[in-house]
Amino acid sequence: MKTLRLRLKIVEYLEKNGPQPTNIIQDYLNDTTRHGTTPSQLGNILSKNKEFRKVGTTMKASIISGHYEVQVWGLSTEHGRAE
């Protein structure tokens, strides 16, 4: 129950915009909620709830370290939600 509001915001965002990378989801939550979320909290929400699923990876450019992979998340179809 602790992360219910964040989960509902993520579901709403993914229903409207389709699969999105973790960093974009975090930016959305930090812009639209009062307290936002940390990367580790968001990772736990996305990975431990069956309503979300990994759909792939994408590369993100970084000024310091070059490029790195970021997970792309979508809604699971087994819980009555489609992409």
PDB file of N, CA and C in Angstrom:
ATOM      1  N   MET A   1       0.808  -1.198   0.000  1.00  0.00           N
ATOM      2  CA  MET A   1       0.000   0.000   0.000  1.00  0.00           C
ATOM      3  C   MET A   1       0.857   1.270   0.000  1.00  0.00           C
ATOM      4  N   LYS A   2       2.073   1.139   0.420  1.00  0.00           N
ATOM      5  CA  LYS A   2       2.942   2.300   0.550  1.00  0.00           C
ATOM      6  C   LYS A   2       3.170   3.010  -0.789  1.00  0.00           C
ATOM      7  N   THR A   3       3.242   2.263  -1.849  1.00  0.00           N
ATOM      8  CA  THR A   3       3.542   2.855  -3.154  1.00  0.00           C
ATOM      9  C   THR A   3       2.329   2.850  -4.085  1.00  0.00           C
ATOM     10  N   LEU A   4       1.130   2.744  -3.526  1.00  0.00           N
ATOM     11  CA  LEU A   4      -0.079   2.639  -4.340  1.00  0.00           C
ATOM     12  C   LEU A   4      -0.266   3.843  -5.254  1.00  0.00           C
ATOM     13  N   ARG A   5      -0.097   5.044  -4.742  1.00  0.00           N
ATOM     14  CA  ARG A   5      -0.292   6.240  -5.577  1.00  0.00           C
ATOM     15  C   ARG A   5       0.719   6.291  -6.723  1.00  0.00           C
ATOM     16  N   LEU A   6       1.960   5.925  -6.436  1.00  0.00           N
ATOM     17  CA  LEU A   6       2.962   5.918  -7.498  1.00  0.00           C
ATOM     18  C   LEU A   6       2.618   4.875  -8.553  1.00  0.00           C
ATOM     19  N   ARG A   7       2.192   3.679  -8.114  1.00  0.00           N
ATOM     20  CA  ARG A   7       1.818   2.627  -9.064  1.00  0.00           C
ATOM     21  C   ARG A   7       0.661   3.082  -9.945  1.00  0.00           C
ATOM     22  N   LEU A   8      -0.333   3.727  -9.354  1.00  0.00           N
ATOM     23  CA  LEU A   8      -1.482   4.203 -10.129  1.00  0.00           C
ATOM     24  C   LEU A   8      -1.068   5.269 -11.141  1.00  0.00           C
ATOM     25  N   LYS A   9      -0.159   6.164 -10.738  1.00  0.00           N
ATOM     26  CA  LYS A   9       0.345   7.186 -11.667  1.00  0.00           C
ATOM     27  C   LYS A   9       1.123   6.547 -12.820  1.00  0.00           C
ATOM     28  N   ILE A  10       1.909   5.509 -12.518  1.00  0.00           N
ATOM     29  CA  ILE A  10       2.678   4.831 -13.562  1.00  0.00           C
ATOM     30  C   ILE A  10       1.733   4.132 -14.537  1.00  0.00           C
ATOM     31  N   VAL A  11       0.719   3.445 -14.015  1.00  0.00           N
ATOM     32  CA  VAL A  11      -0.248   2.758 -14.877  1.00  0.00           C
ATOM     33  C   VAL A  11      -0.947   3.770 -15.783  1.00  0.00           C
ATOM     34  N   GLU A  12      -1.384   4.870 -15.206  1.00  0.00           N
ATOM     35  CA  GLU A  12      -2.053   5.916 -15.982  1.00  0.00           C
ATOM     36  C   GLU A  12      -1.135   6.443 -17.098  1.00  0.00           C
ATOM     37  N   TYR A  13       0.123   6.678 -16.763  1.00  0.00           N
ATOM     38  CA  TYR A  13       1.085   7.208 -17.736  1.00  0.00           C
ATOM     39  C   TYR A  13       1.363   6.202 -18.856  1.00  0.00           C
ATOM     40  N   LEU A  14       1.554   4.929 -18.499  1.00  0.00           N
ATOM     41  CA  LEU A  14       1.842   3.916 -19.512  1.00  0.00           C
ATOM     42  C   LEU A  14       0.627   3.621 -20.382  1.00  0.00           C
ATOM     43  N   GLU A  15      -0.586   3.714 -19.822  1.00  0.00           N
ATOM     44  CA  GLU A  15      -1.788   3.533 -20.635  1.00  0.00           C
ATOM     45  C   GLU A  15      -1.897   4.634 -21.682  1.00  0.00           C
ATOM     46  N   LYS A  16      -1.522   5.847 -21.306  1.00  0.00           N
ATOM     47  CA  LYS A  16      -1.637   6.987 -22.213  1.00  0.00           C
ATOM     48  C   LYS A  16      -0.499   7.035 -23.234  1.00  0.00           C
ATOM     49  N   ASN A  17       0.724   6.670 -22.821  1.00  0.00           N
ATOM     50  CA  ASN A  17       1.907   6.874 -23.669  1.00  0.00           C
ATOM     51  C   ASN A  17       2.577   5.609 -24.170  1.00  0.00           C
ATOM     52  N   GLY A  18       2.113   4.438 -23.763  1.00  0.00           N
ATOM     53  CA  GLY A  18       2.744   3.194 -24.188  1.00  0.00           C
ATOM     54  C   GLY A  18       4.022   2.938 -23.408  1.00  0.00           C
ATOM     55  N   PRO A  19       4.791   1.921 -23.796  1.00  0.00           N
ATOM     56  CA  PRO A  19       6.033   1.582 -23.081  1.00  0.00           C
ATOM     57  C   PRO A  19       7.014   2.754 -23.043  1.00  0.00           C
ATOM     58  N   GLN A  20       7.637   2.930 -21.881  1.00  0.00           N
ATOM     59  CA  GLN A  20       8.563   4.045 -21.672  1.00  0.00           C
ATOM     60  C   GLN A  20       9.782   3.573 -20.894  1.00  0.00           C
ATOM     61  N   PRO A  21      10.944   4.223 -21.110  1.00  0.00           N
ATOM     62  CA  PRO A  21      12.145   3.897 -20.339  1.00  0.00           C
ATOM     63  C   PRO A  21      12.012   4.357 -18.884  1.00  0.00           C
ATOM     64  N   THR A  22      12.775   3.729 -18.012  1.00  0.00           N
ATOM     65  CA  THR A  22      12.727   4.028 -16.583  1.00  0.00           C
ATOM     66  C   THR A  22      12.984   5.503 -16.303  1.00  0.00           C
ATOM     67  N   ASN A  23      13.954   6.091 -16.957  1.00  0.00           N
ATOM     68  CA  ASN A  23      14.292   7.488 -16.674  1.00  0.00           C
ATOM     69  C   ASN A  23      13.160   8.445 -17.059  1.00  0.00           C
ATOM     70  N   ILE A  24      12.421   8.149 -18.109  1.00  0.00           N
ATOM     71  CA  ILE A  24      11.296   8.991 -18.517  1.00  0.00           C
ATOM     72  C   ILE A  24      10.153   8.861 -17.501  1.00  0.00           C
ATOM     73  N   ILE A  25       9.916   7.639 -17.025  1.00  0.00           N
ATOM     74  CA  ILE A  25       8.881   7.420 -16.005  1.00  0.00           C
ATOM     75  C   ILE A  25       9.245   8.174 -14.732  1.00  0.00           C
ATOM     76  N   GLN A  26      10.508   8.132 -14.335  1.00  0.00           N
ATOM     77  CA  GLN A  26      10.936   8.843 -13.134  1.00  0.00           C
ATOM     78  C   GLN A  26      10.779  10.356 -13.307  1.00  0.00           C
ATOM     79  N   ASP A  27      11.150  10.879 -14.459  1.00  0.00           N
ATOM     80  CA  ASP A  27      10.979  12.313 -14.708  1.00  0.00           C
ATOM     81  C   ASP A  27       9.506  12.710 -14.602  1.00  0.00           C
ATOM     82  N   TYR A  28       8.612  11.881 -15.155  1.00  0.00           N
ATOM     83  CA  TYR A  28       7.178  12.157 -15.083  1.00  0.00           C
ATOM     84  C   TYR A  28       6.705  12.178 -13.628  1.00  0.00           C
ATOM     85  N   LEU A  29       7.095  11.174 -12.852  1.00  0.00           N
ATOM     86  CA  LEU A  29       6.666  11.110 -11.453  1.00  0.00           C
ATOM     87  C   LEU A  29       7.212  12.279 -10.646  1.00  0.00           C
ATOM     88  N   ASN A  30       8.452  12.649 -10.886  1.00  0.00           N
ATOM     89  CA  ASN A  30       9.051  13.754 -10.139  1.00  0.00           C
ATOM     90  C   ASN A  30       8.439  15.099 -10.523  1.00  0.00           C
ATOM     91  N   ASP A  31       7.916  15.213 -11.742  1.00  0.00           N
ATOM     92  CA  ASP A  31       7.281  16.454 -12.177  1.00  0.00           C
ATOM     93  C   ASP A  31       5.822  16.554 -11.736  1.00  0.00           C
ATOM     94  N   THR A  32       5.155  15.425 -11.553  1.00  0.00           N
ATOM     95  CA  THR A  32       3.711  15.458 -11.296  1.00  0.00           C
ATOM     96  C   THR A  32       3.307  15.090  -9.874  1.00  0.00           C
ATOM     97  N   THR A  33       4.226  14.609  -9.061  1.00  0.00           N
ATOM     98  CA  THR A  33       3.881  14.290  -7.678  1.00  0.00           C
ATOM     99  C   THR A  33       4.647  15.207  -6.736  1.00  0.00           C
ATOM    100  N   ARG A  34       4.132  15.334  -5.551  1.00  0.00           N
ATOM    101  CA  ARG A  34       4.713  16.270  -4.594  1.00  0.00           C
ATOM    102  C   ARG A  34       6.109  15.864  -4.144  1.00  0.00           C
ATOM    103  N   HIS A  35       6.288  14.578  -3.829  1.00  0.00           N
ATOM    104  CA  HIS A  35       7.571  14.131  -3.297  1.00  0.00           C
ATOM    105  C   HIS A  35       8.423  13.376  -4.300  1.00  0.00           C
ATOM    106  N   GLY A  36       7.844  12.972  -5.431  1.00  0.00           N
ATOM    107  CA  GLY A  36       8.623  12.260  -6.438  1.00  0.00           C
ATOM    108  C   GLY A  36       9.040  10.874  -5.970  1.00  0.00           C
ATOM    109  N   THR A  37      10.080  10.354  -6.589  1.00  0.00           N
ATOM    110  CA  THR A  37      10.573   9.023  -6.267  1.00  0.00           C
ATOM    111  C   THR A  37      12.069   8.954  -6.544  1.00  0.00           C
ATOM    112  N   THR A  38      12.716   7.969  -5.937  1.00  0.00           N
ATOM    113  CA  THR A  38      14.134   7.738  -6.194  1.00  0.00           C
ATOM    114  C   THR A  38      14.262   6.652  -7.261  1.00  0.00           C
ATOM    115  N   PRO A  39      15.411   6.571  -7.928  1.00  0.00           N
ATOM    116  CA  PRO A  39      15.593   5.513  -8.927  1.00  0.00           C
ATOM    117  C   PRO A  39      15.436   4.110  -8.341  1.00  0.00           C
ATOM    118  N   SER A  40      15.927   3.887  -7.128  1.00  0.00           N
ATOM    119  CA  SER A  40      15.822   2.544  -6.542  1.00  0.00           C
ATOM    120  C   SER A  40      14.381   2.217  -6.170  1.00  0.00           C
ATOM    121  N   GLN A  41      13.644   3.180  -5.655  1.00  0.00           N
ATOM    122  CA  GLN A  41      12.241   2.940  -5.323  1.00  0.00           C
ATOM    123  C   GLN A  41      11.445   2.646  -6.594  1.00  0.00           C
ATOM    124  N   LEU A  42      11.681   3.395  -7.650  1.00  0.00           N
ATOM    125  CA  LEU A  42      10.988   3.171  -8.912  1.00  0.00           C
ATOM    126  C   LEU A  42      11.337   1.802  -9.489  1.00  0.00           C
ATOM    127  N   GLY A  43      12.603   1.426  -9.428  1.00  0.00           N
ATOM    128  CA  GLY A  43      13.021   0.110  -9.914  1.00  0.00           C
ATOM    129  C   GLY A  43      12.326  -1.020  -9.171  1.00  0.00           C
ATOM    130  N   ASN A  44      12.183  -0.868  -7.859  1.00  0.00           N
ATOM    131  CA  ASN A  44      11.478  -1.879  -7.069  1.00  0.00           C
ATOM    132  C   ASN A  44      10.002  -1.947  -7.435  1.00  0.00           C
ATOM    133  N   ILE A  45       9.367  -0.801  -7.610  1.00  0.00           N
ATOM    134  CA  ILE A  45       7.951  -0.786  -7.990  1.00  0.00           C
ATOM    135  C   ILE A  45       7.751  -1.492  -9.324  1.00  0.00           C
ATOM    136  N   LEU A  46       8.581  -1.157 -10.302  1.00  0.00           N
ATOM    137  CA  LEU A  46       8.419  -1.714 -11.645  1.00  0.00           C
ATOM    138  C   LEU A  46       8.749  -3.204 -11.694  1.00  0.00           C
ATOM    139  N   SER A  47       9.759  -3.631 -10.971  1.00  0.00           N
ATOM    140  CA  SER A  47      10.195  -5.027 -11.082  1.00  0.00           C
ATOM    141  C   SER A  47       9.394  -5.988 -10.207  1.00  0.00           C
ATOM    142  N   LYS A  48       8.809  -5.515  -9.120  1.00  0.00           N
ATOM    143  CA  LYS A  48       8.152  -6.419  -8.182  1.00  0.00           C
ATOM    144  C   LYS A  48       6.632  -6.477  -8.328  1.00  0.00           C
ATOM    145  N   ASN A  49       6.053  -5.678  -9.218  1.00  0.00           N
ATOM    146  CA  ASN A  49       4.609  -5.697  -9.442  1.00  0.00           C
ATOM    147  C   ASN A  49       4.300  -6.345 -10.780  1.00  0.00           C
ATOM    148  N   LYS A  50       3.359  -7.264 -10.770  1.00  0.00           N
ATOM    149  CA  LYS A  50       3.049  -8.035 -11.971  1.00  0.00           C
ATOM    150  C   LYS A  50       2.294  -7.251 -13.030  1.00  0.00           C
ATOM    151  N   GLU A  51       1.839  -6.036 -12.687  1.00  0.00           N
ATOM    152  CA  GLU A  51       1.140  -5.243 -13.697  1.00  0.00           C
ATOM    153  C   GLU A  51       2.109  -4.569 -14.667  1.00  0.00           C
ATOM    154  N   PHE A  52       3.400  -4.606 -14.383  1.00  0.00           N
ATOM    155  CA  PHE A  52       4.416  -4.043 -15.269  1.00  0.00           C
ATOM    156  C   PHE A  52       5.303  -5.161 -15.800  1.00  0.00           C
ATOM    157  N   ARG A  53       5.811  -4.971 -17.028  1.00  0.00           N
ATOM    158  CA  ARG A  53       6.736  -5.954 -17.591  1.00  0.00           C
ATOM    159  C   ARG A  53       7.797  -5.228 -18.406  1.00  0.00           C
ATOM    160  N   LYS A  54       8.968  -5.844 -18.462  1.00  0.00           N
ATOM    161  CA  LYS A  54      10.053  -5.308 -19.284  1.00  0.00           C
ATOM    162  C   LYS A  54       9.736  -5.619 -20.743  1.00  0.00           C
ATOM    163  N   VAL A  55       9.881  -4.630 -21.587  1.00  0.00           N
ATOM    164  CA  VAL A  55       9.649  -4.865 -23.009  1.00  0.00           C
ATOM    165  C   VAL A  55      10.918  -4.694 -23.832  1.00  0.00           C
ATOM    166  N   GLY A  56      12.012  -4.294 -23.174  1.00  0.00           N
ATOM    167  CA  GLY A  56      13.274  -4.154 -23.892  1.00  0.00           C
ATOM    168  C   GLY A  56      14.216  -3.213 -23.178  1.00  0.00           C
ATOM    169  N   THR A  57      15.226  -2.777 -23.900  1.00  0.00           N
ATOM    170  CA  THR A  57      16.182  -1.816 -23.367  1.00  0.00           C
ATOM    171  C   THR A  57      16.427  -0.741 -24.410  1.00  0.00           C
ATOM    172  N   THR A  58      16.935   0.370 -23.961  1.00  0.00           N
ATOM    173  CA  THR A  58      17.331   1.446 -24.848  1.00  0.00           C
ATOM    174  C   THR A  58      18.627   2.041 -24.305  1.00  0.00           C
ATOM    175  N   MET A  59      19.344   2.722 -25.135  1.00  0.00           N
ATOM    176  CA  MET A  59      20.593   3.346 -24.717  1.00  0.00           C
ATOM    177  C   MET A  59      20.348   4.804 -24.340  1.00  0.00           C
ATOM    178  N   LYS A  60      20.948   5.231 -23.248  1.00  0.00           N
ATOM    179  CA  LYS A  60      20.860   6.611 -22.807  1.00  0.00           C
ATOM    180  C   LYS A  60      22.261   7.200 -22.833  1.00  0.00           C
ATOM    181  N   ALA A  61      22.375   8.390 -23.378  1.00  0.00           N
ATOM    182  CA  ALA A  61      23.660   9.068 -23.441  1.00  0.00           C
ATOM    183  C   ALA A  61      23.931   9.782 -22.126  1.00  0.00           C
ATOM    184  N   SER A  62      25.186   9.734 -21.699  1.00  0.00           N
ATOM    185  CA  SER A  62      25.603  10.410 -20.475  1.00  0.00           C
ATOM    186  C   SER A  62      26.829  11.250 -20.793  1.00  0.00           C
ATOM    187  N   ILE A  63      26.907  12.398 -20.191  1.00  0.00           N
ATOM    188  CA  ILE A  63      28.036  13.294 -20.456  1.00  0.00           C
ATOM    189  C   ILE A  63      29.344  12.694 -19.940  1.00  0.00           C
ATOM    190  N   ILE A  64      29.292  12.100 -18.761  1.00  0.00           N
ATOM    191  CA  ILE A  64      30.502  11.607 -18.118  1.00  0.00           C
ATOM    192  C   ILE A  64      30.897  10.209 -18.592  1.00  0.00           C
ATOM    193  N   SER A  65      29.930   9.288 -18.609  1.00  0.00           N
ATOM    194  CA  SER A  65      30.298   7.891 -18.842  1.00  0.00           C
ATOM    195  C   SER A  65      29.923   7.356 -20.222  1.00  0.00           C
ATOM    196  N   GLY A  66      29.564   8.185 -21.144  1.00  0.00           N
ATOM    197  CA  GLY A  66      29.227   7.712 -22.481  1.00  0.00           C
ATOM    198  C   GLY A  66      27.780   7.287 -22.594  1.00  0.00           C
ATOM    199  N   HIS A  67      27.545   5.991 -22.832  1.00  0.00           N
ATOM    200  CA  HIS A  67      26.199   5.469 -22.991  1.00  0.00           C
ATOM    201  C   HIS A  67      25.965   4.320 -22.015  1.00  0.00           C
ATOM    202  N   TYR A  68      24.705   4.130 -21.618  1.00  0.00           N
ATOM    203  CA  TYR A  68      24.358   2.987 -20.787  1.00  0.00           C
ATOM    204  C   TYR A  68      22.936   2.551 -21.099  1.00  0.00           C
ATOM    205  N   GLU A  69      22.632   1.288 -20.753  1.00  0.00           N
ATOM    206  CA  GLU A  69      21.317   0.725 -21.040  1.00  0.00           C
ATOM    207  C   GLU A  69      20.306   1.113 -19.979  1.00  0.00           C
ATOM    208  N   VAL A  70      19.069   1.373 -20.428  1.00  0.00           N
ATOM    209  CA  VAL A  70      17.953   1.669 -19.546  1.00  0.00           C
ATOM    210  C   VAL A  70      16.814   0.732 -19.930  1.00  0.00           C
ATOM    211  N   GLN A  71      16.135   0.148 -18.934  1.00  0.00           N
ATOM    212  CA  GLN A  71      15.017  -0.755 -19.193  1.00  0.00           C
ATOM    213  C   GLN A  71      13.816   0.033 -19.718  1.00  0.00           C
ATOM    214  N   VAL A  72      13.079  -0.585 -20.648  1.00  0.00           N
ATOM    215  CA  VAL A  72      11.822  -0.028 -21.139  1.00  0.00           C
ATOM    216  C   VAL A  72      10.704  -0.871 -20.536  1.00  0.00           C
ATOM    217  N   TRP A  73       9.702  -0.207 -19.946  1.00  0.00           N
ATOM    218  CA  TRP A  73       8.625  -0.884 -19.227  1.00  0.00           C
ATOM    219  C   TRP A  73       7.289  -0.629 -19.906  1.00  0.00           C
ATOM    220  N   GLY A  74       6.452  -1.667 -19.907  1.00  0.00           N
ATOM    221  CA  GLY A  74       5.093  -1.568 -20.415  1.00  0.00           C
ATOM    222  C   GLY A  74       4.145  -2.217 -19.432  1.00  0.00           C
ATOM    223  N   LEU A  75       2.865  -2.195 -19.784  1.00  0.00           N
ATOM    224  CA  LEU A  75       1.864  -2.835 -18.930  1.00  0.00           C
ATOM    225  C   LEU A  75       1.723  -4.292 -19.308  1.00  0.00           C
ATOM    226  N   SER A  76       1.525  -5.126 -18.312  1.00  0.00           N
ATOM    227  CA  SER A  76       1.337  -6.548 -18.528  1.00  0.00           C
ATOM    228  C   SER A  76      -0.060  -6.790 -19.079  1.00  0.00           C
ATOM    229  N   THR A  77      -0.185  -7.694 -20.035  1.00  0.00           N
ATOM    230  CA  THR A  77      -1.491  -7.996 -20.621  1.00  0.00           C
ATOM    231  C   THR A  77      -2.264  -9.009 -19.795  1.00  0.00           C
ATOM    232  N   GLU A  78      -1.609  -9.710 -18.872  1.00  0.00           N
ATOM    233  CA  GLU A  78      -2.286 -10.730 -18.079  1.00  0.00           C
ATOM    234  C   GLU A  78      -3.176 -10.155 -16.974  1.00  0.00           C
ATOM    235  N   HIS A  79      -3.059  -8.867 -16.707  1.00  0.00           N
ATOM    236  CA  HIS A  79      -3.872  -8.244 -15.656  1.00  0.00           C
ATOM    237  C   HIS A  79      -4.958  -7.362 -16.235  1.00  0.00           C
ATOM    238  N   GLY A  80      -5.378  -7.663 -17.450  1.00  0.00           N
ATOM    239  CA  GLY A  80      -6.473  -6.917 -18.048  1.00  0.00           C
ATOM    240  C   GLY A  80      -6.076  -5.584 -18.630  1.00  0.00           C
ATOM    241  N   ARG A  81      -4.805  -5.309 -18.688  1.00  0.00           N
ATOM    242  CA  ARG A  81      -4.336  -4.048 -19.252  1.00  0.00           C
ATOM    243  C   ARG A  81      -3.520  -4.369 -20.493  1.00  0.00           C
ATOM    244  N   ALA A  82      -3.706  -3.575 -21.513  1.00  0.00           N
ATOM    245  CA  ALA A  82      -2.960  -3.770 -22.750  1.00  0.00           C
ATOM    246  C   ALA A  82      -2.099  -2.536 -22.998  1.00  0.00           C
ATOM    247  N   GLU A  83      -1.123  -2.688 -23.873  1.00  0.00           N
ATOM    248  CA  GLU A  83      -0.229  -1.562 -24.190  1.00  0.00           C
ATOM    249  C   GLU A  83      -0.956  -0.514 -24.973  1.00  0.00           C
TER     250      GLU A  83
END
